[in-house]
Amino acid sequence: KPSGGELDLEVQFVSAQYNWKESFVFKKKTLTIEHIYIILSWRNTRSYFEFSDDIAHFFNYKSQEELKSDFLKLTTEFTELQI
């Protein structure tokens, strides 16, 4: 059967570049769809996130080491609650 028809698309292009000069502080009031796209662009090809300074700064940390430290503390506390 021959294919036919029409497809209408509405496309919105959004920059996934994070601007460090932006005075962004991560909280519910300041989060926009553009910030969601930025976060999603940081996923690697297997759809998980690696610790990086970009992600750390985005979530109000000074460095990836500080983010990783808090993350490990949180996961350790959560694991201990499960036992």
Protein backbone atom coordinates (compact mmCIF):
# COMPACT_ATOMS: atom_id res chain seq x y z
CA LYS A 1 0.00 0.00 0.00
CA PRO A 2 1.54 3.35 -0.93
CA SER A 3 2.19 5.72 1.91
CA GLY A 4 0.58 9.08 1.92
CA GLY A 5 -0.57 11.74 4.25
CA GLU A 6 0.59 14.85 5.86
CA LEU A 7 2.61 15.51 8.98
CA ASP A 8 2.60 18.87 10.72
CA LEU A 9 5.30 19.59 13.27
CA GLU A 10 5.79 22.49 15.58
CA VAL A 11 9.40 22.65 16.74
CA GLN A 12 10.91 24.83 19.42
CA PHE A 13 14.69 25.04 19.62
CA VAL A 14 16.14 25.68 23.05
CA SER A 15 19.78 26.24 23.88
CA ALA A 16 21.22 23.53 26.12
CA GLN A 17 24.22 25.68 26.99
CA TYR A 18 24.38 26.67 30.65
CA ASN A 19 25.37 30.29 31.18
CA TRP A 20 27.46 30.65 34.37
CA LYS A 21 26.91 34.41 34.34
CA GLU A 22 23.21 33.80 34.76
CA SER A 23 22.27 34.47 38.38
CA PHE A 24 20.45 31.15 38.58
CA VAL A 25 19.86 29.53 41.97
CA PHE A 26 18.30 26.08 41.83
CA LYS A 27 14.86 26.19 43.43
CA LYS A 28 11.30 25.57 42.32
CA LYS A 29 10.57 29.25 41.56
CA THR A 30 13.59 29.72 39.27
CA LEU A 31 13.47 26.46 37.31
CA THR A 32 12.34 26.85 33.69
CA ILE A 33 11.90 24.43 30.80
CA GLU A 34 15.25 25.63 29.45
CA HIS A 35 16.92 24.45 32.67
CA ILE A 36 15.26 21.04 32.30
CA TYR A 37 16.69 20.77 28.77
CA ILE A 38 20.13 21.68 30.10
CA ILE A 39 19.95 18.96 32.75
CA LEU A 40 18.83 16.37 30.20
CA SER A 41 21.66 17.33 27.84
CA TRP A 42 24.17 16.32 30.54
CA ARG A 43 23.08 12.66 30.49
CA ASN A 44 25.59 10.34 28.93
CA THR A 45 24.69 7.82 26.21
CA ARG A 46 23.47 5.28 28.77
CA SER A 47 21.08 7.86 30.29
CA TYR A 48 22.82 8.38 33.61
CA PHE A 49 24.64 11.39 34.96
CA GLU A 50 28.29 11.58 35.93
CA PHE A 51 29.53 13.95 38.60
CA SER A 52 30.78 17.16 37.02
CA ASP A 53 31.38 20.76 37.99
CA ASP A 54 28.53 21.81 35.66
CA ILE A 55 26.02 19.64 37.49
CA ALA A 56 27.45 20.66 40.87
CA HIS A 57 27.15 24.39 40.12
CA PHE A 58 23.67 23.90 38.71
CA PHE A 59 22.54 22.40 42.04
CA ASN A 60 24.25 25.13 44.09
CA TYR A 61 27.46 23.26 44.97
CA LYS A 62 30.94 24.71 44.58
CA SER A 63 32.48 21.60 43.01
CA GLN A 64 31.74 18.07 41.90
CA GLU A 65 33.64 16.81 44.96
CA GLU A 66 31.25 18.65 47.28
CA LEU A 67 28.23 17.30 45.38
CA LYS A 68 29.63 13.76 45.41
CA SER A 69 30.36 13.94 49.14
CA ASP A 70 26.79 15.02 49.97
CA PHE A 71 25.35 12.46 47.56
CA LEU A 72 27.35 9.63 49.15
CA LYS A 73 26.31 10.75 52.65
CA LEU A 74 22.67 10.79 51.60
CA THR A 75 22.80 7.36 49.96
CA THR A 76 24.62 5.92 52.99
CA GLU A 77 21.98 7.32 55.34
CA PHE A 78 19.20 5.99 53.13
CA THR A 79 20.81 2.54 53.01
CA GLU A 80 21.17 2.49 56.80
CA LEU A 81 17.46 3.33 57.17
CA GLN A 82 16.59 0.34 55.00
CA ILE A 83 18.48 -2.12 57.22
